[in-house]
C-alpha atoms as a PDB file:
ATOM      1  CA  MET A   1      11.220  -6.987 -15.081  1.00  0.00           C
ATOM      2  CA  LEU A   2       8.575  -4.408 -15.949  1.00  0.00           C
ATOM      3  CA  LEU A   3       8.924  -0.730 -14.995  1.00  0.00           C
ATOM      4  CA  VAL A   4       5.566   1.067 -14.763  1.00  0.00           C
ATOM      5  CA  ILE A   5       5.430   4.873 -14.629  1.00  0.00           C
ATOM      6  CA  ASP A   6       2.369   6.959 -13.773  1.00  0.00           C
ATOM      7  CA  VAL A   7       2.957  10.661 -14.452  1.00  0.00           C
ATOM      8  CA  GLY A   8       0.554  12.936 -12.601  1.00  0.00           C
ATOM      9  CA  ASN A   9       0.364  16.711 -12.488  1.00  0.00           C
ATOM     10  CA  THR A  10       2.074  16.869  -9.087  1.00  0.00           C
ATOM     11  CA  ASN A  11       3.820  13.538  -8.570  1.00  0.00           C
ATOM     12  CA  THR A  12       5.182  10.725 -10.696  1.00  0.00           C
ATOM     13  CA  VAL A  13       4.881   7.219  -9.268  1.00  0.00           C
ATOM     14  CA  LEU A  14       7.106   4.389 -10.456  1.00  0.00           C
ATOM     15  CA  GLY A  15       6.770   0.693  -9.756  1.00  0.00           C
ATOM     16  CA  LEU A  16       8.952  -2.289 -10.573  1.00  0.00           C
ATOM     17  CA  TYR A  17       7.279  -5.640 -11.205  1.00  0.00           C
ATOM     18  CA  ASP A  18       8.837  -9.059 -11.236  1.00  0.00           C
ATOM     19  CA  GLY A  19       6.040 -11.040 -12.827  1.00  0.00           C
ATOM     20  CA  GLU A  20       2.888 -10.258 -10.836  1.00  0.00           C
ATOM     21  CA  HIS A  21       4.801  -9.021  -7.807  1.00  0.00           C
ATOM     22  CA  LEU A  22       5.403  -5.335  -7.149  1.00  0.00           C
ATOM     23  CA  ILE A  23       8.859  -5.413  -5.610  1.00  0.00           C
ATOM     24  CA  HIS A  24       9.574  -1.669  -5.374  1.00  0.00           C
ATOM     25  CA  ASP A  25       7.710   1.594  -5.769  1.00  0.00           C
ATOM     26  CA  TRP A  26       8.824   5.214  -5.641  1.00  0.00           C
ATOM     27  CA  ARG A  27       7.156   8.646  -5.717  1.00  0.00           C
ATOM     28  CA  ILE A  28       8.942  11.712  -7.142  1.00  0.00           C
ATOM     29  CA  ARG A  29       7.857  15.217  -8.121  1.00  0.00           C
ATOM     30  CA  THR A  30       6.726  15.879 -11.674  1.00  0.00           C
ATOM     31  CA  VAL A  31       9.009  18.639 -12.993  1.00  0.00           C
ATOM     32  CA  VAL A  32       8.529  19.468 -16.660  1.00  0.00           C
ATOM     33  CA  ASP A  33      11.658  21.629 -16.991  1.00  0.00           C
ATOM     34  CA  GLN A  34      14.141  18.939 -15.991  1.00  0.00           C
ATOM     35  CA  THR A  35      16.310  17.456 -18.708  1.00  0.00           C
ATOM     36  CA  ILE A  36      16.320  13.876 -19.941  1.00  0.00           C
ATOM     37  CA  ASP A  37      19.611  13.244 -18.151  1.00  0.00           C
ATOM     38  CA  GLU A  38      18.434  14.810 -14.877  1.00  0.00           C
ATOM     39  CA  TYR A  39      15.413  12.508 -14.804  1.00  0.00           C
ATOM     40  CA  GLY A  40      17.528   9.618 -16.023  1.00  0.00           C
ATOM     41  CA  MET A  41      20.004   9.952 -13.161  1.00  0.00           C
ATOM     42  CA  LEU A  42      17.191  10.362 -10.635  1.00  0.00           C
ATOM     43  CA  ILE A  43      15.455   7.174 -11.764  1.00  0.00           C
ATOM     44  CA  TYR A  44      18.809   5.376 -12.090  1.00  0.00           C
ATOM     45  CA  ASN A  45      19.667   6.209  -8.464  1.00  0.00           C
ATOM     46  CA  LEU A  46      16.281   4.963  -7.268  1.00  0.00           C
ATOM     47  CA  TYR A  47      16.669   1.460  -8.600  1.00  0.00           C
ATOM     48  CA  LYS A  48      20.442   1.418  -8.000  1.00  0.00           C
ATOM     49  CA  ASN A  49      19.786   1.965  -4.281  1.00  0.00           C
ATOM     50  CA  SER A  50      17.448  -1.021  -4.479  1.00  0.00           C
ATOM     51  CA  ARG A  51      20.328  -3.052  -5.973  1.00  0.00           C
ATOM     52  CA  ILE A  52      18.565  -3.728  -9.264  1.00  0.00           C
ATOM     53  CA  PRO A  53      20.703  -3.713 -12.446  1.00  0.00           C
ATOM     54  CA  SER A  54      19.180  -1.685 -15.276  1.00  0.00           C
ATOM     55  CA  ARG A  55      19.704  -4.604 -17.674  1.00  0.00           C
ATOM     56  CA  LYS A  56      16.989  -6.523 -15.785  1.00  0.00           C
ATOM     57  CA  ILE A  57      14.376  -3.944 -16.805  1.00  0.00           C
ATOM     58  CA  LYS A  58      13.150  -5.327 -20.128  1.00  0.00           C
ATOM     59  CA  ASP A  59       9.827  -3.502 -20.558  1.00  0.00           C
ATOM     60  CA  ILE A  60       8.329  -0.117 -19.637  1.00  0.00           C
ATOM     61  CA  ILE A  61       4.777   1.242 -19.739  1.00  0.00           C
ATOM     62  CA  ILE A  62       3.836   4.872 -19.097  1.00  0.00           C
ATOM     63  CA  SER A  63       0.577   6.580 -18.176  1.00  0.00           C
ATOM     64  CA  CYS A  64       0.868  10.362 -18.478  1.00  0.00           C
ATOM     65  CA  VAL A  65      -1.515  13.312 -18.028  1.00  0.00           C
ATOM     66  CA  VAL A  66       1.272  15.884 -18.571  1.00  0.00           C
ATOM     67  CA  PRO A  67       2.011  15.748 -22.335  1.00  0.00           C
ATOM     68  CA  PRO A  68       5.392  17.606 -22.187  1.00  0.00           C
ATOM     69  CA  MET A  69       6.706  14.854 -19.890  1.00  0.00           C
ATOM     70  CA  LEU A  70       6.489  12.334 -22.730  1.00  0.00           C
ATOM     71  CA  ASN A  71       9.152  14.353 -24.559  1.00  0.00           C
ATOM     72  CA  ILE A  72      11.424  13.555 -21.615  1.00  0.00           C
ATOM     73  CA  LEU A  73      10.425  10.020 -20.711  1.00  0.00           C
ATOM     74  CA  GLU A  74      10.282   8.408 -24.149  1.00  0.00           C
ATOM     75  CA  PRO A  75      13.897   9.278 -25.096  1.00  0.00           C
ATOM     76  CA  LEU A  76      14.964   8.593 -21.499  1.00  0.00           C
ATOM     77  CA  CYS A  77      13.701   5.006 -21.753  1.00  0.00           C
ATOM     78  CA  GLN A  78      15.581   4.467 -24.986  1.00  0.00           C
ATOM     79  CA  LYS A  79      18.780   6.089 -23.738  1.00  0.00           C
ATOM     80  CA  TYR A  80      19.012   4.551 -20.263  1.00  0.00           C
ATOM     81  CA  PHE A  81      17.169   1.234 -20.716  1.00  0.00           C
ATOM     82  CA  ASP A  82      17.311   0.638 -24.483  1.00  0.00           C
ATOM     83  CA  VAL A  83      13.537   0.100 -24.347  1.00  0.00           C
ATOM     84  CA  LYS A  84      10.757   1.687 -26.377  1.00  0.00           C
ATOM     85  CA  PRO A  85       8.006   2.298 -23.804  1.00  0.00           C
ATOM     86  CA  LEU A  86       4.336   1.517 -24.295  1.00  0.00           C
ATOM     87  CA  ILE A  87       2.346   4.735 -23.817  1.00  0.00           C
ATOM     88  CA  VAL A  88      -1.239   4.371 -22.584  1.00  0.00           C
ATOM     89  CA  GLY A  89      -3.441   6.229 -25.044  1.00  0.00           C
ATOM     90  CA  PRO A  90      -5.499   5.809 -28.230  1.00  0.00           C
ATOM     91  CA  GLY A  91      -4.758   2.515 -29.942  1.00  0.00           C
ATOM     92  CA  VAL A  92      -3.649   0.726 -26.775  1.00  0.00           C
ATOM     93  CA  LYS A  93      -5.732  -2.315 -25.803  1.00  0.00           C
ATOM     94  CA  THR A  94      -7.328  -1.852 -22.389  1.00  0.00           C
ATOM     95  CA  GLY A  95      -9.990  -4.542 -22.589  1.00  0.00           C
ATOM     96  CA  MET A  96     -12.547  -2.020 -21.327  1.00  0.00           C
ATOM     97  CA  PRO A  97     -15.241  -0.267 -23.405  1.00  0.00           C
ATOM     98  CA  ILE A  98     -15.164   3.489 -22.791  1.00  0.00           C
ATOM     99  CA  PHE A  99     -18.569   5.190 -22.899  1.00  0.00           C
ATOM    100  CA  TYR A 100     -17.372   8.785 -22.987  1.00  0.00           C
ATOM    101  CA  ASP A 101     -18.480  11.231 -25.677  1.00  0.00           C
ATOM    102  CA  ASN A 102     -14.837  11.630 -26.684  1.00  0.00           C
ATOM    103  CA  PRO A 103     -12.754   8.777 -25.232  1.00  0.00           C
ATOM    104  CA  LYS A 104      -9.543  10.704 -26.003  1.00  0.00           C
ATOM    105  CA  GLU A 105     -10.519  13.249 -23.329  1.00  0.00           C
ATOM    106  CA  VAL A 106     -10.382  10.720 -20.481  1.00  0.00           C
ATOM    107  CA  GLY A 107      -7.164  10.925 -18.484  1.00  0.00           C
ATOM    108  CA  ALA A 108      -4.997   7.842 -18.957  1.00  0.00           C
ATOM    109  CA  ASP A 109      -4.731   7.406 -15.183  1.00  0.00           C
ATOM    110  CA  ARG A 110      -8.518   7.177 -14.866  1.00  0.00           C
ATOM    111  CA  ILE A 111      -8.727   4.377 -17.428  1.00  0.00           C
ATOM    112  CA  VAL A 112      -5.787   2.568 -15.844  1.00  0.00           C
ATOM    113  CA  ASN A 113      -7.492   2.733 -12.432  1.00  0.00           C
ATOM    114  CA  ALA A 114     -10.742   1.453 -13.924  1.00  0.00           C
ATOM    115  CA  VAL A 115      -9.018  -1.506 -15.593  1.00  0.00           C
ATOM    116  CA  ALA A 116      -7.245  -2.498 -12.381  1.00  0.00           C
ATOM    117  CA  GLY A 117     -10.321  -2.041 -10.208  1.00  0.00           C
ATOM    118  CA  TYR A 118     -12.589  -4.171 -12.392  1.00  0.00           C
ATOM    119  CA  GLU A 119      -9.941  -6.860 -12.901  1.00  0.00           C
ATOM    120  CA  LYS A 120      -9.492  -7.132  -9.148  1.00  0.00           C
ATOM    121  CA  TYR A 121     -13.065  -6.834  -7.856  1.00  0.00           C
ATOM    122  CA  ARG A 122     -15.247  -7.899 -10.823  1.00  0.00           C
ATOM    123  CA  GLN A 123     -18.250  -5.747  -9.916  1.00  0.00           C
ATOM    124  CA  ASP A 124     -19.558  -2.245 -10.477  1.00  0.00           C
ATOM    125  CA  LEU A 125     -17.286   0.336  -8.909  1.00  0.00           C
ATOM    126  CA  ILE A 126     -16.789   3.954  -8.023  1.00  0.00           C
ATOM    127  CA  ILE A 127     -13.092   4.773  -7.928  1.00  0.00           C
ATOM    128  CA  VAL A 128     -12.124   7.927  -6.047  1.00  0.00           C
ATOM    129  CA  ASP A 129      -8.604   9.095  -6.851  1.00  0.00           C
ATOM    130  CA  PHE A 130      -7.165  11.735  -4.515  1.00  0.00           C
ATOM    131  CA  GLY A 131      -4.589  13.383  -6.745  1.00  0.00           C
ATOM    132  CA  THR A 132      -4.015  16.940  -7.957  1.00  0.00           C
ATOM    133  CA  ALA A 133      -7.698  16.718  -8.844  1.00  0.00           C
ATOM    134  CA  THR A 134     -10.120  14.444  -6.992  1.00  0.00           C
ATOM    135  CA  THR A 135     -11.719  12.228  -9.625  1.00  0.00           C
ATOM    136  CA  PHE A 136     -14.725   9.914  -9.397  1.00  0.00           C
ATOM    137  CA  ASP A 137     -15.099   7.181 -12.014  1.00  0.00           C
ATOM    138  CA  TYR A 138     -18.004   4.782 -12.418  1.00  0.00           C
ATOM    139  CA  ILE A 139     -17.448   1.322 -13.886  1.00  0.00           C
ATOM    140  CA  SER A 140     -20.522  -0.788 -14.668  1.00  0.00           C
ATOM    141  CA  LYS A 141     -21.165  -4.398 -13.689  1.00  0.00           C
ATOM    142  CA  LYS A 142     -20.194  -5.381 -17.244  1.00  0.00           C
ATOM    143  CA  GLY A 143     -16.770  -3.749 -16.885  1.00  0.00           C
ATOM    144  CA  GLU A 144     -17.590  -0.633 -18.913  1.00  0.00           C
ATOM    145  CA  TYR A 145     -16.098   2.780 -18.163  1.00  0.00           C
ATOM    146  CA  MET A 146     -19.180   5.009 -17.960  1.00  0.00           C
ATOM    147  CA  GLY A 147     -17.702   8.387 -16.952  1.00  0.00           C
ATOM    148  CA  GLY A 148     -17.451  10.327 -13.724  1.00  0.00           C
ATOM    149  CA  CYS A 149     -16.768  13.611 -11.956  1.00  0.00           C
ATOM    150  CA  ILE A 150     -13.741  15.846 -11.461  1.00  0.00           C
ATOM    151  CA  ALA A 151     -13.389  18.094  -8.409  1.00  0.00           C
ATOM    152  CA  PRO A 152     -10.506  20.297  -7.213  1.00  0.00           C
ATOM    153  CA  GLY A 153      -7.927  18.282  -5.297  1.00  0.00           C
ATOM    154  CA  ILE A 154      -7.444  18.719  -1.573  1.00  0.00           C
ATOM    155  CA  MET A 155      -4.034  20.353  -1.860  1.00  0.00           C
ATOM    156  CA  ILE A 156      -5.203  22.724  -4.617  1.00  0.00           C
ATOM    157  CA  SER A 157      -8.030  23.893  -2.371  1.00  0.00           C
ATOM    158  CA  CYS A 158      -5.690  24.230   0.599  1.00  0.00           C
ATOM    159  CA  GLU A 159      -3.172  26.248  -1.398  1.00  0.00           C
ATOM    160  CA  ALA A 160      -5.923  28.596  -2.576  1.00  0.00           C
ATOM    161  CA  LEU A 161      -7.044  29.065   1.025  1.00  0.00           C
ATOM    162  CA  PHE A 162      -3.521  29.759   2.293  1.00  0.00           C
ATOM    163  CA  GLU A 163      -2.736  32.191  -0.523  1.00  0.00           C
ATOM    164  CA  ARG A 164      -5.988  34.149  -0.584  1.00  0.00           C
ATOM    165  CA  ALA A 165      -6.621  34.428   3.168  1.00  0.00           C
ATOM    166  CA  ALA A 166      -3.726  36.436   4.589  1.00  0.00           C
ATOM    167  CA  LYS A 167      -4.316  35.584   8.248  1.00  0.00           C
ATOM    168  CA  LEU A 168      -4.746  31.853   7.793  1.00  0.00           C
ATOM    169  CA  PRO A 169      -1.594  29.750   8.311  1.00  0.00           C
ATOM    170  CA  ARG A 170      -0.515  26.635   6.458  1.00  0.00           C
ATOM    171  CA  VAL A 171      -1.660  23.591   8.387  1.00  0.00           C
ATOM    172  CA  GLU A 172      -0.904  19.896   8.388  1.00  0.00           C
ATOM    173  CA  LEU A 173      -3.572  17.773   6.753  1.00  0.00           C
ATOM    174  CA  SER A 174      -4.660  15.584   9.644  1.00  0.00           C
ATOM    175  CA  LYS A 175      -7.777  14.605  11.542  1.00  0.00           C
ATOM    176  CA  PRO A 176      -8.801  17.274  14.085  1.00  0.00           C
ATOM    177  CA  LYS A 177      -9.974  16.459  17.600  1.00  0.00           C
ATOM    178  CA  ALA A 178     -13.466  17.786  16.948  1.00  0.00           C
ATOM    179  CA  ILE A 179     -15.605  19.238  14.186  1.00  0.00           C
ATOM    180  CA  VAL A 180     -16.088  22.412  16.246  1.00  0.00           C
ATOM    181  CA  GLY A 181     -12.565  23.776  16.341  1.00  0.00           C
ATOM    182  CA  LYS A 182     -11.371  25.874  19.280  1.00  0.00           C
ATOM    183  CA  ASP A 183      -8.477  27.518  17.435  1.00  0.00           C
ATOM    184  CA  THR A 184      -7.621  28.522  13.875  1.00  0.00           C
ATOM    185  CA  VAL A 185      -5.507  25.477  13.024  1.00  0.00           C
ATOM    186  CA  SER A 186      -8.036  22.895  14.251  1.00  0.00           C
ATOM    187  CA  SER A 187     -10.880  24.837  12.626  1.00  0.00           C
ATOM    188  CA  MET A 188      -9.079  24.727   9.275  1.00  0.00           C
ATOM    189  CA  GLN A 189      -8.249  21.043   9.671  1.00  0.00           C
ATOM    190  CA  ALA A 190     -11.896  20.277  10.436  1.00  0.00           C
ATOM    191  CA  GLY A 191     -13.117  22.227   7.430  1.00  0.00           C
ATOM    192  CA  ILE A 192     -10.650  20.609   5.059  1.00  0.00           C
ATOM    193  CA  MET A 193     -10.938  17.038   6.334  1.00  0.00           C
ATOM    194  CA  TYR A 194     -14.680  16.819   6.914  1.00  0.00           C
ATOM    195  CA  GLY A 195     -15.442  19.060   3.961  1.00  0.00           C
ATOM    196  CA  TYR A 196     -13.745  16.613   1.606  1.00  0.00           C
ATOM    197  CA  ALA A 197     -15.247  13.612   3.356  1.00  0.00           C
ATOM    198  CA  GLY A 198     -18.656  15.189   2.785  1.00  0.00           C
ATOM    199  CA  LEU A 199     -17.801  15.893  -0.840  1.00  0.00           C
ATOM    200  CA  VAL A 200     -16.894  12.238  -1.387  1.00  0.00           C
ATOM    201  CA  ASP A 201     -20.025  10.934   0.314  1.00  0.00           C
ATOM    202  CA  GLY A 202     -22.269  13.427  -1.474  1.00  0.00           C
ATOM    203  CA  ILE A 203     -20.990  12.635  -4.955  1.00  0.00           C
ATOM    204  CA  CYS A 204     -20.996   8.871  -4.351  1.00  0.00           C
ATOM    205  CA  GLU A 205     -24.583   9.081  -3.118  1.00  0.00           C
ATOM    206  CA  ARG A 206     -25.644  10.945  -6.254  1.00  0.00           C
ATOM    207  CA  ILE A 207     -23.867   8.427  -8.496  1.00  0.00           C
ATOM    208  CA  ARG A 208     -25.653   5.563  -6.725  1.00  0.00           C
ATOM    209  CA  ALA A 209     -29.004   7.273  -7.217  1.00  0.00           C
ATOM    210  CA  GLU A 210     -28.328   7.902 -10.902  1.00  0.00           C
ATOM    211  CA  VAL A 211     -27.104   4.386 -11.763  1.00  0.00           C
ATOM    212  CA  LYS A 212     -29.639   2.713  -9.433  1.00  0.00           C
ATOM    213  CA  SER A 213     -26.999   0.427  -7.986  1.00  0.00           C
ATOM    214  CA  ASP A 214     -24.740   0.106  -4.950  1.00  0.00           C
ATOM    215  CA  PRO A 215     -21.202  -0.059  -6.393  1.00  0.00           C
ATOM    216  CA  LEU A 216     -18.143  -0.745  -4.287  1.00  0.00           C
ATOM    217  CA  VAL A 217     -16.273   2.504  -3.615  1.00  0.00           C
ATOM    218  CA  ILE A 218     -12.469   2.312  -3.796  1.00  0.00           C
ATOM    219  CA  GLY A 219     -10.136   5.088  -2.688  1.00  0.00           C
ATOM    220  CA  THR A 220      -6.709   5.513  -4.237  1.00  0.00           C
ATOM    221  CA  GLY A 221      -4.075   8.224  -4.643  1.00  0.00           C
ATOM    222  CA  GLY A 222      -1.634   9.869  -2.280  1.00  0.00           C
ATOM    223  CA  LEU A 223      -4.160  11.193   0.248  1.00  0.00           C
ATOM    224  CA  ALA A 224      -6.653   8.317   0.183  1.00  0.00           C
ATOM    225  CA  ARG A 225      -5.552   6.803   3.489  1.00  0.00           C
ATOM    226  CA  ILE A 226      -5.973  10.147   5.252  1.00  0.00           C
ATOM    227  CA  VAL A 227      -9.441  11.016   3.973  1.00  0.00           C
ATOM    228  CA  ALA A 228     -11.050   7.596   3.445  1.00  0.00           C
ATOM    229  CA  PRO A 229     -11.515   6.748   7.171  1.00  0.00           C
ATOM    230  CA  GLU A 230     -13.613   9.906   7.592  1.00  0.00           C
ATOM    231  CA  THR A 231     -16.013   8.967   4.784  1.00  0.00           C
ATOM    232  CA  LYS A 232     -19.014   6.650   4.904  1.00  0.00           C
ATOM    233  CA  SER A 233     -18.669   5.603   1.266  1.00  0.00           C
ATOM    234  CA  ILE A 234     -15.119   4.334   0.744  1.00  0.00           C
ATOM    235  CA  LYS A 235     -14.877   0.659   1.687  1.00  0.00           C
ATOM    236  CA  VAL A 236     -11.467  -0.190   0.221  1.00  0.00           C
ATOM    237  CA  VAL A 237      -8.225   1.790  -0.037  1.00  0.00           C
ATOM    238  CA  ASP A 238      -5.845   0.545  -2.709  1.00  0.00           C
ATOM    239  CA  ASP A 239      -2.684   2.655  -2.951  1.00  0.00           C
ATOM    240  CA  MET A 240      -1.223   0.716  -5.870  1.00  0.00           C
ATOM    241  CA  LEU A 241      -4.295   0.542  -8.087  1.00  0.00           C
ATOM    242  CA  THR A 242      -2.756   2.638 -10.873  1.00  0.00           C
ATOM    243  CA  LEU A 243       0.488   0.675 -10.934  1.00  0.00           C
ATOM    244  CA  GLU A 244      -1.421  -2.598 -11.063  1.00  0.00           C
ATOM    245  CA  GLY A 245      -3.566  -1.268 -13.904  1.00  0.00           C
ATOM    246  CA  LEU A 246      -0.452  -0.409 -15.889  1.00  0.00           C
ATOM    247  CA  ARG A 247       0.855  -3.945 -15.421  1.00  0.00           C
ATOM    248  CA  ILE A 248      -2.456  -5.420 -16.625  1.00  0.00           C
ATOM    249  CA  ILE A 249      -2.615  -3.162 -19.681  1.00  0.00           C
ATOM    250  CA  TYR A 250       0.979  -3.995 -20.547  1.00  0.00           C
ATOM    251  CA  LEU A 251       0.157  -7.727 -20.519  1.00  0.00           C
ATOM    252  CA  ARG A 252      -2.887  -7.128 -22.738  1.00  0.00           C
ATOM    253  CA  ASN A 253      -0.684  -5.450 -25.320  1.00  0.00           C
ATOM    254  CA  LYS A 254       2.329  -7.748 -25.107  1.00  0.00           C
END
């Protein structure tokens, strides 16, 4: 079995593959000050509750945008699984040309998403990842990573609003009844939800105009299913795009 780990700034997502089949997935918080053993026991309990012996996990691949976490996860894999993990980064075969001024600057998760998206849909794409940041990545018809945009994530913007505006309460991120809110909570929900939907549509429209094409827009990340229905651009939501990309990259380097 293959364990895939995607370490984000806020959450870490793990998936367990048996061949091509994703049989389990888990989402935990990314905490850089936990010890190797604390993370080891947490991950051990996740797959133990799924009744999977650790000896069945033969391979591990990691995508990480939080460098200090590699100091935890690499020795963890060796200690608890007796496996040296494959780390997505320079020197790893992705099968995708990267047309970025400095390819080392591109977040590993963005490349992993691009690889999975093109492998699955085989056309030009815009991938919108709703994570700590909201990222937009354009992949050409030839399967080339061309670059993209980075915007503040929804929760970052919400936290800034809650912290800097003393009279505004914390609200649940959900679709309001109307765009013209009749109370503070619904007004905030409308601004957050439709504001981000407009951001997505606006950026996707500008990318289309610049590349003179009509790429398929895919939404992924923890909040994709909440925001995507309110956009005009996103046609597909694929929650497991990053995990699938890790599996594909692992096979290309096996």
